[in-house]
Amino acid sequence: MKDKKKADSILEDFSVADSVLVTVLNSIFDGIYVVDKDRKIIFWNRGAEEITGYSAKEVMGRRCSDDILNHIDENGILLCRNACPLVETLHTGKDIRAKVYPLHKKGGRFPVQTHIGPIRNDNGEIVAGIEVFRDISKNEEFRILQEKFSKVVKKYMSSATFEEIMDQLKGSTGKACIKDLTVLYLDVVNFTGFSERHSPEETAKMLNDLFGICEVITKECHGDIDKFIGDAIMAVFIDANDAVLAGMKVLKALSQFNKTRVKEGHGETQIRIGVNSGLVMQVEIGTADRKDVTVIGDVVNTSSRIESVSDAMCMCISEATYSRLKDQKAFMPHKELRVKNRKEPLFIYKYALNLNH
């Protein structure tokens, strides 16, 4: 009986209109309401009135499930009759955070971020539950808009470039930085001859089809296409193993691509791939009207040089890349390569599509 009086005393504090507690809770812009052990609403602040459209008089003594809020979760499950977070808090004493969708008095649901916690008496027994919630409709609209925008923009630039732009919008200085990356350089063999034998439309279609394959595989292997350079592609990877896997998959996909082209009466398209790893400079370059974020340095130049001496439909990699591979069995020693500004020759390894791996 004594404990019940204590509980009643605690809950009565919420009903005194001019008490310090009520005054403070009414000054908070977030919605706040309190329910007793029977889930009946015993307090409803002004923030809750503003957010939901329901006045305190309309909800006092009622439950959320009495056609007031009727919360659902992100999967559409009706919480007030099934998995009510307030009920869980009242039974377990857990603090719960969730995104839920209550029903506004005027109709229509809207997203809120809610935090539910227990109210205990002096003996530590749960006598009520309190829910603090905030309308996040604008946040959700912005998130959706940003995701749609990002999806469109990412069609035309690498993820690394997109992230660099977002960093700048957030106040980043945009200074050059040094990163350990692997660069894959891919070029079409005898592109000049191909373009001379085919119309501009046929040439463009071949390149777009090829680049489409490369883009999908690059993304699948966690890389970014840094740039398209005429009939060539430069892609960057954090992991050398991903870069090599992407090269293998492109060569395999191109083999099937060529079978289709032959059936359609077109000639085969052949490529060469060069891969190199090491420290590169990621930097913003260009003019005031247009700037691109790209990677530059000896590692980039060397990957292009490796590609240029590779055989058709093969991939050659530097020793720097080879040493980073978890599985090296697919590669065989190939040749030494003299590279500008290097005293020692560069030893490269070769992968061909017909190798067992």
Protein backbone atom coordinates (compact mmCIF):
# COMPACT_ATOMS: atom_id res chain seq x y z
CA MET A 1 0.00 0.00 0.00
CA LYS A 2 2.88 2.30 0.89
CA ASP A 3 4.60 1.58 -2.44
CA LYS A 4 1.38 2.35 -4.30
CA LYS A 5 1.18 5.73 -2.57
CA LYS A 6 4.76 6.46 -3.61
CA ALA A 7 3.95 5.51 -7.17
CA ASP A 8 0.81 7.63 -7.13
CA SER A 9 2.85 10.54 -5.74
CA ILE A 10 5.39 10.29 -8.55
CA LEU A 11 2.69 10.16 -11.22
CA GLU A 12 0.75 13.03 -9.65
CA ASP A 13 3.72 15.31 -10.34
CA PHE A 14 2.82 15.14 -14.02
CA SER A 15 -0.72 16.44 -13.38
CA VAL A 16 0.24 19.65 -11.58
CA ALA A 17 0.03 22.27 -14.33
CA ASP A 18 2.33 24.84 -12.72
CA SER A 19 4.88 22.45 -11.25
CA VAL A 20 8.55 22.84 -12.18
CA LEU A 21 8.52 19.40 -13.84
CA VAL A 22 5.56 20.17 -16.09
CA THR A 23 6.86 23.66 -16.88
CA VAL A 24 10.21 22.25 -17.99
CA LEU A 25 8.67 19.45 -20.07
CA ASN A 26 6.31 21.90 -21.79
CA SER A 27 9.23 24.14 -22.74
CA ILE A 28 10.85 21.33 -24.76
CA PHE A 29 10.13 21.31 -28.48
CA ASP A 30 10.27 17.52 -28.72
CA GLY A 31 7.07 15.59 -28.07
CA ILE A 32 6.92 13.98 -24.62
CA TYR A 33 4.24 11.80 -23.12
CA VAL A 34 3.98 9.49 -20.13
CA VAL A 35 1.87 6.36 -19.71
CA ASP A 36 1.07 4.43 -16.55
CA LYS A 37 1.36 0.67 -16.10
CA ASP A 38 -1.94 0.22 -17.96
CA ARG A 39 -0.50 2.21 -20.91
CA LYS A 40 -2.94 5.06 -20.32
CA ILE A 41 -1.60 8.51 -21.13
CA ILE A 42 -1.16 10.64 -18.00
CA PHE A 43 0.96 13.44 -19.46
CA TRP A 44 1.13 15.04 -22.90
CA ASN A 45 3.34 18.08 -23.42
CA ARG A 46 2.93 21.01 -25.79
CA GLY A 47 5.56 19.59 -28.13
CA ALA A 48 3.44 16.45 -28.55
CA GLU A 49 0.42 18.66 -29.32
CA GLU A 50 2.34 20.55 -32.01
CA ILE A 51 3.78 17.43 -33.63
CA THR A 52 0.70 15.17 -33.64
CA GLY A 53 -2.18 17.65 -33.81
CA TYR A 54 -3.79 16.12 -30.68
CA SER A 55 -4.36 18.33 -27.63
CA ALA A 56 -3.69 17.04 -24.14
CA LYS A 57 -7.44 17.03 -23.40
CA GLU A 58 -8.06 14.70 -26.35
CA VAL A 59 -5.57 12.06 -25.29
CA MET A 60 -5.45 12.08 -21.47
CA GLY A 61 -6.64 8.79 -20.00
CA ARG A 62 -6.55 7.04 -23.39
CA ARG A 63 -4.09 4.67 -25.06
CA CYS A 64 -2.17 5.18 -28.28
CA SER A 65 -4.06 2.24 -29.75
CA ASP A 66 -7.39 4.03 -29.20
CA ASP A 67 -7.19 5.48 -32.72
CA ILE A 68 -4.79 8.18 -31.57
CA LEU A 69 -1.28 7.47 -32.87
CA ASN A 70 -1.41 3.79 -33.87
CA HIS A 71 2.36 3.59 -34.43
CA ILE A 72 3.77 1.31 -37.10
CA ASP A 73 7.44 0.43 -37.64
CA GLU A 74 9.45 0.67 -40.87
CA ASN A 75 8.13 -2.71 -42.00
CA GLY A 76 4.49 -1.68 -41.54
CA ILE A 77 3.92 -3.72 -38.36
CA LEU A 78 1.27 -2.16 -36.13
CA LEU A 79 3.12 -1.68 -32.86
CA CYS A 80 0.28 -0.60 -30.58
CA ARG A 81 -1.41 -4.00 -30.89
CA ASN A 82 1.59 -6.25 -31.41
CA ALA A 83 5.12 -5.24 -30.46
CA CYS A 84 4.65 -1.99 -28.54
CA PRO A 85 8.07 -0.59 -27.43
CA LEU A 86 6.39 1.05 -24.42
CA VAL A 87 5.09 -2.34 -23.26
CA GLU A 88 8.60 -3.78 -23.57
CA THR A 89 10.03 -0.93 -21.53
CA LEU A 90 7.36 -1.32 -18.83
CA HIS A 91 8.09 -5.05 -18.60
CA THR A 92 11.89 -5.05 -18.92
CA GLY A 93 13.05 -1.57 -17.96
CA LYS A 94 15.04 -1.28 -21.19
CA ASP A 95 15.73 2.03 -22.89
CA ILE A 96 14.57 1.75 -26.49
CA ARG A 97 15.41 3.90 -29.49
CA ALA A 98 13.54 3.44 -32.74
CA LYS A 99 12.18 5.10 -35.85
CA VAL A 100 8.40 4.73 -35.95
CA TYR A 101 5.50 6.19 -37.89
CA PRO A 102 2.57 7.58 -35.85
CA LEU A 103 -0.73 8.70 -37.34
CA HIS A 104 -1.34 12.46 -37.34
CA LYS A 105 -4.74 13.75 -36.24
CA LYS A 106 -5.33 15.14 -39.75
CA GLY A 107 -4.47 11.77 -41.27
CA GLY A 108 -1.29 10.47 -42.79
CA ARG A 109 1.74 8.98 -41.14
CA PHE A 110 5.07 10.70 -40.57
CA PRO A 111 8.45 9.46 -39.29
CA VAL A 112 9.64 10.20 -35.77
CA GLN A 113 12.78 9.26 -33.90
CA THR A 114 11.67 8.05 -30.50
CA HIS A 115 13.39 7.28 -27.22
CA ILE A 116 11.44 5.30 -24.61
CA GLY A 117 12.50 4.76 -21.03
CA PRO A 118 11.06 3.59 -17.70
CA ILE A 119 10.06 5.76 -14.74
CA ARG A 120 10.85 4.13 -11.39
CA ASN A 121 9.83 4.79 -7.79
CA ASP A 122 12.23 5.11 -4.86
CA ASN A 123 12.44 1.31 -4.63
CA GLY A 124 13.52 1.02 -8.25
CA GLU A 125 10.17 -0.43 -9.37
CA ILE A 126 8.80 0.60 -12.76
CA VAL A 127 5.64 2.67 -12.31
CA ALA A 128 5.37 4.31 -15.74
CA GLY A 129 6.97 4.77 -19.13
CA ILE A 130 8.07 7.97 -20.87
CA GLU A 131 8.46 8.52 -24.59
CA VAL A 132 10.34 11.42 -26.16
CA PHE A 133 9.90 11.79 -29.90
CA ARG A 134 10.99 14.13 -32.67
CA ASP A 135 9.48 14.68 -36.11
CA ILE A 136 12.17 13.75 -38.65
CA SER A 137 10.09 14.28 -41.80
CA LYS A 138 12.47 16.93 -43.15
CA ASN A 139 15.48 14.76 -42.36
CA GLU A 140 13.93 11.85 -44.25
CA GLU A 141 13.03 14.04 -47.23
CA PHE A 142 16.59 15.31 -47.36
CA ARG A 143 18.02 11.81 -47.02
CA ILE A 144 15.88 10.49 -49.87
CA LEU A 145 16.67 13.48 -52.06
CA GLN A 146 20.38 13.12 -51.34
CA GLU A 147 20.34 9.41 -52.15
CA LYS A 148 18.52 10.03 -55.43
CA PHE A 149 20.93 12.81 -56.30
CA SER A 150 23.92 10.69 -55.37
CA LYS A 151 22.66 7.81 -57.51
CA VAL A 152 22.38 10.08 -60.54
CA VAL A 153 25.73 11.81 -59.98
CA LYS A 154 27.59 8.54 -59.43
CA LYS A 155 26.71 7.49 -62.98
CA TYR A 156 29.09 10.15 -64.24
CA MET A 157 31.95 10.06 -61.73
CA SER A 158 33.84 7.65 -59.53
CA SER A 159 32.87 7.11 -55.90
CA ALA A 160 36.20 8.60 -54.84
CA THR A 161 35.46 11.77 -56.78
CA PHE A 162 31.93 11.97 -55.40
CA GLU A 163 33.16 11.56 -51.83
CA GLU A 164 35.79 14.24 -52.38
CA ILE A 165 33.09 16.64 -53.59
CA MET A 166 30.92 15.85 -50.57
CA ASP A 167 33.90 16.50 -48.30
CA GLN A 168 34.37 19.89 -49.90
CA LEU A 169 30.68 20.74 -49.44
CA LYS A 170 31.12 19.89 -45.78
CA GLY A 171 34.02 22.29 -45.48
CA SER A 172 36.99 20.12 -46.43
CA THR A 173 40.05 22.00 -47.63
CA GLY A 174 40.45 19.79 -50.68
CA LYS A 175 44.21 19.52 -50.20
CA ALA A 176 46.18 16.85 -51.98
CA CYS A 177 46.79 13.66 -50.02
CA ILE A 178 48.98 10.60 -50.42
CA LYS A 179 47.29 7.20 -50.56
CA ASP A 180 48.42 3.62 -51.07
CA LEU A 181 46.35 2.43 -54.03
CA THR A 182 46.45 0.03 -56.95
CA VAL A 183 45.95 1.44 -60.43
CA LEU A 184 44.52 -0.61 -63.29
CA TYR A 185 45.06 0.74 -66.78
CA LEU A 186 43.09 -0.80 -69.66
CA ASP A 187 43.46 0.06 -73.34
CA VAL A 188 41.93 -1.18 -76.61
CA VAL A 189 44.46 -2.83 -78.94
CA ASN A 190 44.77 -1.15 -82.36
CA PHE A 191 41.87 1.20 -81.71
CA THR A 192 42.96 3.48 -84.56
CA GLY A 193 42.59 0.63 -87.06
CA PHE A 194 39.19 -0.27 -85.63
CA SER A 195 37.91 3.30 -85.89
CA GLU A 196 39.14 3.55 -89.48
CA ARG A 197 37.20 0.39 -90.45
CA HIS A 198 33.97 1.33 -88.69
CA SER A 199 31.59 4.24 -88.62
CA PRO A 200 31.67 6.72 -85.70
CA GLU A 201 28.39 5.25 -84.43
CA GLU A 202 29.75 1.69 -84.51
CA THR A 203 32.97 2.79 -82.81
CA ALA A 204 31.10 4.64 -80.07
CA LYS A 205 28.80 1.65 -79.49
CA MET A 206 31.73 -0.73 -79.16
CA LEU A 207 33.44 1.54 -76.64
CA ASN A 208 30.27 2.12 -74.63
CA ASP A 209 29.54 -1.61 -74.52
CA LEU A 210 33.10 -2.38 -73.43
CA PHE A 211 33.21 0.41 -70.87
CA GLY A 212 29.84 -0.67 -69.51
CA ILE A 213 31.26 -4.12 -68.80
CA CYS A 214 34.35 -2.61 -67.18
CA GLU A 215 32.31 -0.26 -65.01
CA VAL A 216 30.08 -2.98 -63.62
CA ILE A 217 33.00 -5.28 -62.87
CA THR A 218 35.06 -2.47 -61.32
CA LYS A 219 32.25 -1.59 -58.94
CA GLU A 220 31.62 -5.24 -58.16
CA CYS A 221 35.28 -5.54 -57.19
CA HIS A 222 35.13 -2.46 -54.93
CA GLY A 223 37.03 -0.16 -57.27
CA ASP A 224 36.37 3.22 -58.88
CA ILE A 225 36.85 4.25 -62.49
CA ASP A 226 39.00 7.34 -62.12
CA LYS A 227 38.65 8.44 -65.72
CA PHE A 228 37.89 7.46 -69.31
CA ILE A 229 40.74 8.45 -71.65
CA GLY A 230 39.54 8.00 -75.21
CA ASP A 231 39.77 4.24 -75.74
CA ALA A 232 41.34 3.64 -72.31
CA ILE A 233 40.17 3.36 -68.71
CA MET A 234 42.02 4.07 -65.50
CA ALA A 235 40.54 2.51 -62.36
CA VAL A 236 41.76 2.68 -58.76
CA PHE A 237 41.46 0.12 -55.97
CA ILE A 238 42.34 0.12 -52.30
CA ASP A 239 43.17 -3.61 -52.43
CA ALA A 240 45.50 -5.01 -55.10
CA ASN A 241 43.63 -8.33 -54.93
CA ASP A 242 40.43 -6.56 -55.99
CA ALA A 243 42.21 -4.88 -58.90
CA VAL A 244 43.62 -8.17 -60.19
CA LEU A 245 40.28 -9.91 -59.80
CA ALA A 246 38.62 -7.12 -61.78
CA GLY A 247 41.16 -7.55 -64.56
CA MET A 248 40.55 -11.30 -64.71
CA LYS A 249 36.79 -10.80 -64.83
CA VAL A 250 37.03 -8.18 -67.58
CA LEU A 251 39.14 -10.50 -69.74
CA LYS A 252 36.68 -13.34 -69.22
CA ALA A 253 33.66 -11.13 -69.92
CA LEU A 254 35.31 -9.75 -73.04
CA SER A 255 35.78 -13.27 -74.37
CA GLN A 256 32.00 -13.75 -74.24
CA PHE A 257 31.48 -10.23 -75.57
CA ASN A 258 33.57 -11.09 -78.63
CA LYS A 259 31.59 -14.28 -79.31
CA THR A 260 28.44 -12.17 -79.50
CA ARG A 261 30.11 -9.61 -81.75
CA VAL A 262 31.28 -12.32 -84.15
CA LYS A 263 27.76 -13.78 -84.34
CA GLU A 264 26.48 -10.32 -85.21
CA GLY A 265 29.05 -9.97 -87.99
CA HIS A 266 31.45 -7.66 -86.15
CA GLY A 267 35.13 -8.07 -85.49
CA GLU A 268 36.61 -8.96 -82.11
CA THR A 269 37.74 -6.32 -79.65
CA GLN A 270 41.03 -6.92 -77.89
CA ILE A 271 42.45 -5.17 -74.86
CA ARG A 272 45.60 -4.97 -72.75
CA ILE A 273 45.68 -4.43 -68.99
CA GLY A 274 48.49 -3.11 -66.80
CA VAL A 275 48.34 -3.01 -62.99
CA ASN A 276 50.69 -1.31 -60.52
CA SER A 277 50.53 -0.55 -56.78
CA GLY A 278 52.05 2.06 -54.50
CA LEU A 279 51.73 5.58 -53.18
CA VAL A 280 49.80 8.00 -55.37
CA MET A 281 48.79 11.60 -54.92
CA GLN A 282 45.06 12.22 -54.92
CA VAL A 283 44.60 15.82 -55.95
CA GLU A 284 42.13 18.28 -57.41
CA ILE A 285 43.27 19.57 -60.79
CA GLY A 286 41.77 21.76 -63.47
CA THR A 287 40.65 25.34 -63.98
CA ALA A 288 38.23 27.62 -62.19
CA ASP A 289 35.44 26.43 -64.49
CA ARG A 290 36.09 22.72 -64.16
CA LYS A 291 38.05 20.63 -61.73
CA ASP A 292 38.47 16.89 -61.32
CA VAL A 293 39.74 14.84 -58.42
CA THR A 294 42.19 12.28 -59.73
CA VAL A 295 45.31 10.32 -58.83
CA ILE A 296 48.72 11.16 -60.25
CA GLY A 297 52.31 10.07 -59.82
CA ASP A 298 54.86 7.47 -60.82
CA VAL A 299 52.53 4.57 -59.93
CA VAL A 300 49.96 5.81 -62.44
CA ASN A 301 52.51 6.37 -65.21
CA THR A 302 54.05 2.95 -64.62
CA SER A 303 50.70 1.16 -64.82
CA SER A 304 50.16 2.76 -68.23
CA ARG A 305 53.67 1.72 -69.31
CA ILE A 306 53.06 -1.87 -68.16
CA GLU A 307 49.83 -1.97 -70.15
CA SER A 308 51.60 -0.75 -73.29
CA VAL A 309 54.04 -3.71 -73.30
CA SER A 310 51.45 -6.34 -72.40
CA ASP A 311 50.25 -8.82 -75.01
CA ALA A 312 46.74 -8.60 -76.44
CA MET A 313 44.08 -10.13 -74.15
CA CYS A 314 46.55 -10.36 -71.27
CA MET A 315 47.11 -8.59 -67.99
CA CYS A 316 50.57 -7.72 -66.70
CA ILE A 317 51.26 -6.61 -63.15
CA SER A 318 54.24 -5.07 -61.38
CA GLU A 319 56.19 -6.78 -58.65
CA ALA A 320 54.64 -4.28 -56.23
CA THR A 321 51.19 -5.63 -57.09
CA TYR A 322 52.39 -9.24 -57.25
CA SER A 323 53.79 -9.01 -53.72
CA ARG A 324 50.41 -7.83 -52.41
CA LEU A 325 48.45 -10.80 -53.82
CA LYS A 326 47.12 -13.52 -51.55
CA ASP A 327 47.12 -16.01 -54.42
CA GLN A 328 49.94 -15.64 -56.96
CA LYS A 329 49.47 -18.93 -58.83
CA ALA A 330 47.70 -17.36 -61.81
CA PHE A 331 50.76 -15.28 -62.73
CA MET A 332 53.99 -16.26 -64.43
CA PRO A 333 57.25 -14.27 -64.67
CA HIS A 334 57.16 -12.32 -67.92
CA LYS A 335 59.87 -9.75 -68.62
CA GLU A 336 61.97 -6.88 -67.36
CA LEU A 337 60.76 -3.42 -68.26
CA ARG A 338 62.78 -0.24 -68.47
CA VAL A 339 60.80 2.67 -67.08
CA LYS A 340 61.70 6.33 -67.36
CA ASN A 341 63.28 7.85 -64.22
CA ARG A 342 63.96 4.39 -62.78
CA LYS A 343 67.56 3.17 -62.46
CA GLU A 344 66.61 -0.46 -62.05
CA PRO A 345 64.40 -2.38 -64.50
CA LEU A 346 60.87 -3.23 -63.43
CA PHE A 347 60.06 -6.93 -63.36
CA ILE A 348 56.51 -7.74 -64.45
CA TYR A 349 54.27 -10.81 -64.25
CA LYS A 350 51.74 -11.97 -66.79
CA TYR A 351 48.23 -13.38 -66.62
CA ALA A 352 46.57 -14.79 -69.71
CA LEU A 353 42.96 -15.85 -69.96
CA ASN A 354 43.82 -19.38 -71.05
CA LEU A 355 45.88 -20.03 -67.89
CA ASN A 356 44.46 -22.40 -65.32
CA HIS A 357 43.67 -20.54 -62.11
